[in-house]
Amino acid sequence: MPIAIFKKPGVVLPLVLLLIFAVLLPTAHVRKPHWQWIGYVTPSPDGRTLTAKLMFGEPKADGTFCEQVTDMEVRESASQVAIGIQVLNTCAPLVSWGRTTTTDIGYPFDVNLHLRAPLTGRTVVDKETGQPIEIAQPSDRS
């Protein structure tokens, strides 16, 4: 009796397509935000704001970037400040089965992170990896 359903016209193709989709779906890359690598930060003169210079892809014709900051995190302790900036590439396909390629040319994009207390000798680390992030002085970087 269950095999009788396959004899009806128009049933086999949708079932085959559904099976293929079910097999391929776990291998897909879904567009989602990721925590961006931060090369260095520059503190403000009062030490209460850190400016992270991110590198994004080439701006679109209207001057906006495909990448959008979706979240920022700052965790402060007496000895360190852990920071993270989450970015979503809105130009990437919603679902893909390959890698999204980007250009090697980076365009600077500044993100300001606000601290509750001045930086004053604390180290800055990446919230995901715990790796130190360079602290540049305003005159060190342009």
N, C-alpha and C. Protein backbone atom coordinates (compact mmCIF):
# COMPACT_ATOMS: atom_id res chain seq x y z
N MET A 1 0.81 -1.21 0.00
CA MET A 1 0.00 0.00 0.00
C MET A 1 0.85 1.28 0.00
N PRO A 2 1.96 1.39 0.81
CA PRO A 2 2.75 2.61 0.79
C PRO A 2 3.37 2.89 -0.57
N ILE A 3 3.68 1.89 -1.36
CA ILE A 3 4.29 2.09 -2.67
C ILE A 3 3.30 2.68 -3.65
N ALA A 4 2.04 2.54 -3.43
CA ALA A 4 1.01 3.05 -4.32
C ALA A 4 1.08 4.57 -4.46
N ILE A 5 1.56 5.26 -3.44
CA ILE A 5 1.65 6.72 -3.51
C ILE A 5 2.63 7.15 -4.59
N PHE A 6 3.68 6.36 -4.85
CA PHE A 6 4.66 6.71 -5.86
C PHE A 6 4.12 6.55 -7.28
N LYS A 7 3.02 5.87 -7.44
CA LYS A 7 2.44 5.67 -8.76
C LYS A 7 1.55 6.83 -9.18
N LYS A 8 1.24 7.73 -8.24
CA LYS A 8 0.42 8.89 -8.58
C LYS A 8 1.28 9.92 -9.32
N PRO A 9 0.73 10.52 -10.38
CA PRO A 9 1.50 11.52 -11.14
C PRO A 9 1.82 12.74 -10.27
N GLY A 10 3.02 13.29 -10.44
CA GLY A 10 3.40 14.51 -9.74
C GLY A 10 3.86 14.32 -8.31
N VAL A 11 4.04 13.09 -7.85
CA VAL A 11 4.44 12.86 -6.47
C VAL A 11 5.94 12.57 -6.36
N VAL A 12 6.49 11.88 -7.31
CA VAL A 12 7.89 11.43 -7.22
C VAL A 12 8.86 12.62 -7.24
N LEU A 13 8.69 13.54 -8.18
CA LEU A 13 9.62 14.66 -8.30
C LEU A 13 9.68 15.50 -7.03
N PRO A 14 8.55 15.92 -6.46
CA PRO A 14 8.63 16.69 -5.21
C PRO A 14 9.30 15.90 -4.07
N LEU A 15 9.06 14.60 -4.00
CA LEU A 15 9.69 13.80 -2.96
C LEU A 15 11.20 13.71 -3.17
N VAL A 16 11.63 13.56 -4.41
CA VAL A 16 13.06 13.51 -4.70
C VAL A 16 13.71 14.85 -4.37
N LEU A 17 13.07 15.95 -4.74
CA LEU A 17 13.60 17.27 -4.43
C LEU A 17 13.67 17.51 -2.91
N LEU A 18 12.67 17.07 -2.20
CA LEU A 18 12.67 17.19 -0.74
C LEU A 18 13.81 16.38 -0.13
N LEU A 19 14.05 15.21 -0.65
CA LEU A 19 15.14 14.36 -0.17
C LEU A 19 16.50 15.03 -0.44
N ILE A 20 16.69 15.58 -1.62
CA ILE A 20 17.94 16.26 -1.96
C ILE A 20 18.14 17.46 -1.04
N PHE A 21 17.10 18.25 -0.82
CA PHE A 21 17.18 19.41 0.07
C PHE A 21 17.56 18.98 1.48
N ALA A 22 16.95 17.91 1.97
CA ALA A 22 17.23 17.42 3.33
C ALA A 22 18.67 16.95 3.47
N VAL A 23 19.25 16.41 2.41
CA VAL A 23 20.63 15.95 2.44
C VAL A 23 21.61 17.13 2.36
N LEU A 24 21.30 18.13 1.53
CA LEU A 24 22.21 19.25 1.33
C LEU A 24 22.13 20.33 2.41
N LEU A 25 21.02 20.48 3.07
CA LEU A 25 20.84 21.55 4.03
C LEU A 25 21.91 21.57 5.13
N PRO A 26 22.29 20.45 5.71
CA PRO A 26 23.31 20.51 6.77
C PRO A 26 24.68 20.99 6.29
N THR A 27 24.94 20.99 4.99
CA THR A 27 26.23 21.42 4.46
C THR A 27 26.24 22.90 4.09
N ALA A 28 25.11 23.58 4.20
CA ALA A 28 25.00 24.97 3.78
C ALA A 28 25.62 25.91 4.81
N HIS A 29 26.13 27.03 4.32
CA HIS A 29 26.61 28.11 5.16
C HIS A 29 25.52 29.17 5.16
N VAL A 30 24.98 29.47 6.34
CA VAL A 30 23.92 30.46 6.46
C VAL A 30 24.56 31.77 6.88
N ARG A 31 24.14 32.84 6.22
CA ARG A 31 24.66 34.18 6.55
C ARG A 31 24.28 34.51 7.98
N LYS A 32 25.30 34.79 8.78
CA LYS A 32 25.07 35.17 10.17
C LYS A 32 26.20 36.06 10.65
N PRO A 33 25.97 36.82 11.70
CA PRO A 33 27.02 37.71 12.19
C PRO A 33 28.19 36.90 12.77
N HIS A 34 29.36 37.52 12.76
CA HIS A 34 30.55 36.91 13.36
C HIS A 34 31.30 37.99 14.15
N TRP A 35 32.10 37.54 15.12
CA TRP A 35 32.91 38.48 15.90
C TRP A 35 34.13 38.85 15.07
N GLN A 36 34.28 40.11 14.79
CA GLN A 36 35.31 40.64 13.90
C GLN A 36 36.67 40.70 14.61
N TRP A 37 37.73 40.41 13.88
CA TRP A 37 39.08 40.57 14.40
C TRP A 37 39.38 42.05 14.56
N ILE A 38 39.98 42.43 15.68
CA ILE A 38 40.32 43.83 15.95
C ILE A 38 41.84 43.92 16.04
N GLY A 39 42.45 44.66 15.14
CA GLY A 39 43.90 44.78 15.09
C GLY A 39 44.47 45.67 16.18
N TYR A 40 43.83 46.80 16.40
CA TYR A 40 44.28 47.72 17.43
C TYR A 40 43.16 48.67 17.81
N VAL A 41 43.30 49.30 18.96
CA VAL A 41 42.37 50.32 19.42
C VAL A 41 43.16 51.56 19.78
N THR A 42 42.50 52.71 19.68
CA THR A 42 43.10 53.98 20.08
C THR A 42 42.21 54.59 21.16
N PRO A 43 42.77 54.86 22.34
CA PRO A 43 41.94 55.46 23.40
C PRO A 43 41.75 56.96 23.17
N SER A 44 40.63 57.45 23.65
CA SER A 44 40.38 58.89 23.61
C SER A 44 41.27 59.56 24.66
N PRO A 45 41.43 60.88 24.60
CA PRO A 45 42.28 61.57 25.58
C PRO A 45 41.87 61.30 27.04
N ASP A 46 40.57 61.15 27.31
CA ASP A 46 40.15 60.88 28.69
C ASP A 46 40.16 59.38 29.03
N GLY A 47 40.46 58.52 28.03
CA GLY A 47 40.56 57.08 28.27
C GLY A 47 39.24 56.36 28.42
N ARG A 48 38.13 57.03 28.18
CA ARG A 48 36.81 56.39 28.36
C ARG A 48 36.20 55.86 27.07
N THR A 49 36.85 56.11 25.95
CA THR A 49 36.37 55.60 24.66
C THR A 49 37.54 54.95 23.93
N LEU A 50 37.30 53.74 23.43
CA LEU A 50 38.28 53.07 22.59
C LEU A 50 37.75 53.08 21.17
N THR A 51 38.57 53.51 20.23
CA THR A 51 38.18 53.48 18.83
C THR A 51 38.90 52.31 18.17
N ALA A 52 38.11 51.36 17.70
CA ALA A 52 38.65 50.20 16.99
C ALA A 52 38.56 50.47 15.51
N LYS A 53 39.66 50.27 14.81
CA LYS A 53 39.65 50.47 13.36
C LYS A 53 39.51 49.10 12.70
N LEU A 54 38.34 48.84 12.12
CA LEU A 54 38.08 47.59 11.42
C LEU A 54 38.38 47.79 9.94
N MET A 55 38.61 46.69 9.26
CA MET A 55 38.81 46.74 7.81
C MET A 55 37.64 46.03 7.15
N PHE A 56 36.90 46.78 6.35
CA PHE A 56 35.75 46.25 5.64
C PHE A 56 36.08 46.17 4.16
N GLY A 57 35.19 45.52 3.42
CA GLY A 57 35.33 45.46 1.96
C GLY A 57 35.01 46.80 1.33
N GLU A 58 35.17 46.86 0.02
CA GLU A 58 34.94 48.10 -0.72
C GLU A 58 33.51 48.60 -0.52
N PRO A 59 33.35 49.90 -0.29
CA PRO A 59 31.99 50.45 -0.14
C PRO A 59 31.17 50.29 -1.42
N LYS A 60 29.86 50.20 -1.26
CA LYS A 60 28.96 50.15 -2.40
C LYS A 60 28.91 51.53 -3.07
N ALA A 61 28.23 51.63 -4.19
CA ALA A 61 28.16 52.89 -4.94
C ALA A 61 27.58 54.03 -4.10
N ASP A 62 26.69 53.71 -3.16
CA ASP A 62 26.09 54.77 -2.33
C ASP A 62 26.97 55.15 -1.14
N GLY A 63 28.16 54.54 -1.02
CA GLY A 63 29.09 54.89 0.05
C GLY A 63 28.94 54.07 1.32
N THR A 64 27.92 53.22 1.37
CA THR A 64 27.74 52.38 2.55
C THR A 64 28.49 51.06 2.36
N PHE A 65 28.73 50.40 3.47
CA PHE A 65 29.45 49.13 3.43
C PHE A 65 28.46 47.96 3.48
N CYS A 66 28.87 46.83 2.91
CA CYS A 66 28.07 45.61 3.04
C CYS A 66 28.07 45.14 4.49
N GLU A 67 29.20 45.36 5.19
CA GLU A 67 29.32 44.93 6.57
C GLU A 67 28.59 45.91 7.48
N GLN A 68 27.85 45.36 8.44
CA GLN A 68 27.15 46.19 9.42
C GLN A 68 27.48 45.68 10.81
N VAL A 69 27.76 46.61 11.72
CA VAL A 69 28.01 46.24 13.11
C VAL A 69 26.66 45.90 13.73
N THR A 70 26.53 44.65 14.23
CA THR A 70 25.27 44.20 14.81
C THR A 70 25.30 44.15 16.33
N ASP A 71 26.51 44.11 16.92
CA ASP A 71 26.61 44.05 18.37
C ASP A 71 28.01 44.47 18.79
N MET A 72 28.11 45.04 19.97
CA MET A 72 29.40 45.38 20.57
C MET A 72 29.35 44.92 22.02
N GLU A 73 30.48 44.45 22.50
CA GLU A 73 30.53 43.99 23.88
C GLU A 73 31.78 44.55 24.54
N VAL A 74 31.61 45.07 25.75
CA VAL A 74 32.71 45.57 26.56
C VAL A 74 32.53 45.00 27.96
N ARG A 75 33.54 44.24 28.42
CA ARG A 75 33.54 43.71 29.79
C ARG A 75 34.78 44.27 30.48
N GLU A 76 34.57 44.97 31.57
CA GLU A 76 35.67 45.61 32.27
C GLU A 76 35.95 44.94 33.60
N SER A 77 37.24 44.83 33.92
CA SER A 77 37.67 44.42 35.25
C SER A 77 38.76 45.39 35.67
N ALA A 78 39.31 45.20 36.86
CA ALA A 78 40.33 46.10 37.37
C ALA A 78 41.61 46.04 36.53
N SER A 79 41.89 44.88 35.90
CA SER A 79 43.15 44.71 35.18
C SER A 79 43.02 44.70 33.66
N GLN A 80 41.82 44.46 33.14
CA GLN A 80 41.70 44.38 31.69
C GLN A 80 40.32 44.77 31.20
N VAL A 81 40.26 45.04 29.90
CA VAL A 81 39.01 45.32 29.21
C VAL A 81 38.90 44.33 28.06
N ALA A 82 37.85 43.51 28.06
CA ALA A 82 37.60 42.56 26.98
C ALA A 82 36.57 43.19 26.04
N ILE A 83 36.91 43.21 24.74
CA ILE A 83 36.01 43.85 23.78
C ILE A 83 35.71 42.91 22.62
N GLY A 84 34.56 43.12 22.00
CA GLY A 84 34.18 42.37 20.82
C GLY A 84 33.24 43.21 19.97
N ILE A 85 33.36 43.04 18.67
CA ILE A 85 32.50 43.74 17.72
C ILE A 85 31.96 42.70 16.75
N GLN A 86 30.64 42.57 16.72
CA GLN A 86 30.01 41.58 15.85
C GLN A 86 29.58 42.25 14.55
N VAL A 87 29.88 41.59 13.43
CA VAL A 87 29.63 42.17 12.10
C VAL A 87 28.86 41.18 11.24
N LEU A 88 27.94 41.71 10.45
CA LEU A 88 27.17 40.91 9.49
C LEU A 88 27.43 41.46 8.10
N ASN A 89 27.77 40.58 7.16
CA ASN A 89 27.95 40.98 5.76
C ASN A 89 26.59 40.84 5.07
N THR A 90 25.92 41.96 4.87
CA THR A 90 24.57 41.95 4.29
C THR A 90 24.58 41.67 2.79
N CYS A 91 25.75 41.73 2.15
CA CYS A 91 25.82 41.46 0.71
C CYS A 91 26.07 39.98 0.43
N ALA A 92 26.42 39.21 1.44
CA ALA A 92 26.65 37.78 1.24
C ALA A 92 25.32 37.08 0.99
N PRO A 93 25.33 35.98 0.24
CA PRO A 93 24.09 35.26 0.02
C PRO A 93 23.52 34.75 1.35
N LEU A 94 22.20 34.67 1.43
CA LEU A 94 21.56 34.20 2.65
C LEU A 94 21.99 32.77 2.96
N VAL A 95 22.04 31.92 1.95
CA VAL A 95 22.50 30.55 2.10
C VAL A 95 23.45 30.25 0.94
N SER A 96 24.60 29.67 1.26
CA SER A 96 25.54 29.30 0.20
C SER A 96 26.17 27.96 0.53
N TRP A 97 26.70 27.32 -0.48
CA TRP A 97 27.39 26.05 -0.30
C TRP A 97 28.88 26.21 -0.59
N GLY A 98 29.35 27.43 -0.55
CA GLY A 98 30.76 27.69 -0.79
C GLY A 98 31.21 28.85 0.06
N ARG A 99 32.41 29.30 -0.17
CA ARG A 99 32.94 30.42 0.58
C ARG A 99 32.59 31.72 -0.12
N THR A 100 32.36 32.75 0.68
CA THR A 100 32.17 34.08 0.13
C THR A 100 33.55 34.71 -0.03
N THR A 101 33.87 35.15 -1.23
CA THR A 101 35.19 35.73 -1.45
C THR A 101 35.14 37.23 -1.19
N THR A 102 36.23 37.73 -0.67
CA THR A 102 36.35 39.16 -0.43
C THR A 102 37.65 39.65 -1.04
N THR A 103 37.72 40.92 -1.24
CA THR A 103 38.92 41.52 -1.81
C THR A 103 40.01 41.62 -0.75
N ASP A 104 41.25 41.69 -1.18
CA ASP A 104 42.36 41.86 -0.25
C ASP A 104 42.50 43.33 0.19
N ILE A 105 41.79 44.21 -0.48
CA ILE A 105 41.86 45.62 -0.15
C ILE A 105 40.88 45.90 0.98
N GLY A 106 41.38 46.50 2.04
CA GLY A 106 40.53 46.82 3.18
C GLY A 106 40.27 48.32 3.26
N TYR A 107 39.08 48.66 3.65
CA TYR A 107 38.70 50.05 3.83
C TYR A 107 38.42 50.26 5.31
N PRO A 108 39.07 51.26 5.92
CA PRO A 108 38.93 51.44 7.37
C PRO A 108 37.53 51.87 7.78
N PHE A 109 37.11 51.35 8.91
CA PHE A 109 35.80 51.68 9.48
C PHE A 109 35.99 51.77 11.00
N ASP A 110 35.71 52.93 11.58
CA ASP A 110 35.91 53.13 13.02
C ASP A 110 34.66 52.77 13.81
N VAL A 111 34.89 52.08 14.94
CA VAL A 111 33.82 51.74 15.87
C VAL A 111 34.25 52.21 17.25
N ASN A 112 33.41 53.00 17.90
CA ASN A 112 33.72 53.51 19.23
C ASN A 112 33.08 52.63 20.30
N LEU A 113 33.91 52.23 21.26
CA LEU A 113 33.46 51.41 22.39
C LEU A 113 33.63 52.26 23.65
N HIS A 114 32.56 52.39 24.43
CA HIS A 114 32.57 53.26 25.60
C HIS A 114 32.83 52.45 26.87
N LEU A 115 33.73 52.98 27.71
CA LEU A 115 34.10 52.34 28.96
C LEU A 115 33.44 53.05 30.14
N ARG A 116 33.19 52.30 31.21
CA ARG A 116 32.64 52.89 32.43
C ARG A 116 33.70 53.69 33.18
N ALA A 117 34.96 53.23 33.09
CA ALA A 117 36.07 53.89 33.77
C ALA A 117 37.20 54.06 32.76
N PRO A 118 38.08 55.05 32.98
CA PRO A 118 39.20 55.25 32.05
C PRO A 118 40.06 53.99 31.93
N LEU A 119 40.69 53.83 30.79
CA LEU A 119 41.53 52.66 30.52
C LEU A 119 42.69 52.56 31.51
N THR A 120 43.37 53.63 31.75
CA THR A 120 44.42 53.77 32.77
C THR A 120 45.21 52.50 33.07
N GLY A 121 46.05 52.09 32.12
CA GLY A 121 46.97 50.98 32.38
C GLY A 121 46.39 49.58 32.24
N ARG A 122 45.13 49.46 32.00
CA ARG A 122 44.55 48.12 31.82
C ARG A 122 44.89 47.60 30.43
N THR A 123 44.97 46.29 30.29
CA THR A 123 45.19 45.70 28.97
C THR A 123 43.85 45.54 28.28
N VAL A 124 43.89 45.51 26.96
CA VAL A 124 42.69 45.28 26.16
C VAL A 124 42.86 43.93 25.48
N VAL A 125 41.84 43.07 25.60
CA VAL A 125 41.90 41.73 25.01
C VAL A 125 40.67 41.47 24.17
N ASP A 126 40.80 40.54 23.24
CA ASP A 126 39.70 40.09 22.40
C ASP A 126 38.77 39.22 23.25
N LYS A 127 37.49 39.50 23.25
CA LYS A 127 36.55 38.78 24.10
C LYS A 127 36.40 37.30 23.73
N GLU A 128 36.65 36.97 22.48
CA GLU A 128 36.52 35.59 22.03
C GLU A 128 37.77 34.77 22.30
N THR A 129 38.93 35.34 22.01
CA THR A 129 40.18 34.57 22.09
C THR A 129 40.98 34.85 23.34
N GLY A 130 40.74 36.00 23.97
CA GLY A 130 41.54 36.39 25.13
C GLY A 130 42.91 36.95 24.74
N GLN A 131 43.18 37.05 23.43
CA GLN A 131 44.45 37.57 22.96
C GLN A 131 44.51 39.09 23.15
N PRO A 132 45.70 39.60 23.52
CA PRO A 132 45.84 41.05 23.69
C PRO A 132 45.61 41.79 22.38
N ILE A 133 45.03 42.97 22.49
CA ILE A 133 44.83 43.87 21.36
C ILE A 133 45.74 45.06 21.58
N GLU A 134 46.46 45.44 20.54
CA GLU A 134 47.39 46.56 20.63
C GLU A 134 46.64 47.84 20.99
N ILE A 135 47.25 48.63 21.87
CA ILE A 135 46.71 49.94 22.23
C ILE A 135 47.62 50.97 21.58
N ALA A 136 47.12 51.66 20.58
CA ALA A 136 47.90 52.69 19.87
C ALA A 136 47.57 54.04 20.49
N GLN A 137 48.53 54.91 20.49
CA GLN A 137 48.29 56.29 20.93
C GLN A 137 47.78 57.08 19.75
N PRO A 138 46.97 58.12 19.99
CA PRO A 138 46.38 58.87 18.87
C PRO A 138 47.40 59.31 17.82
N SER A 139 48.62 59.61 18.22
CA SER A 139 49.62 60.06 17.24
C SER A 139 50.26 58.91 16.48
N ASP A 140 50.08 57.64 16.97
CA ASP A 140 50.69 56.46 16.35
C ASP A 140 50.01 56.07 15.04
N ARG A 141 48.72 56.23 14.94
CA ARG A 141 47.95 55.74 13.78
C ARG A 141 47.17 56.89 13.18
N SER A 142 46.91 56.79 11.90
CA SER A 142 46.09 57.83 11.27
C SER A 142 44.76 57.28 10.87
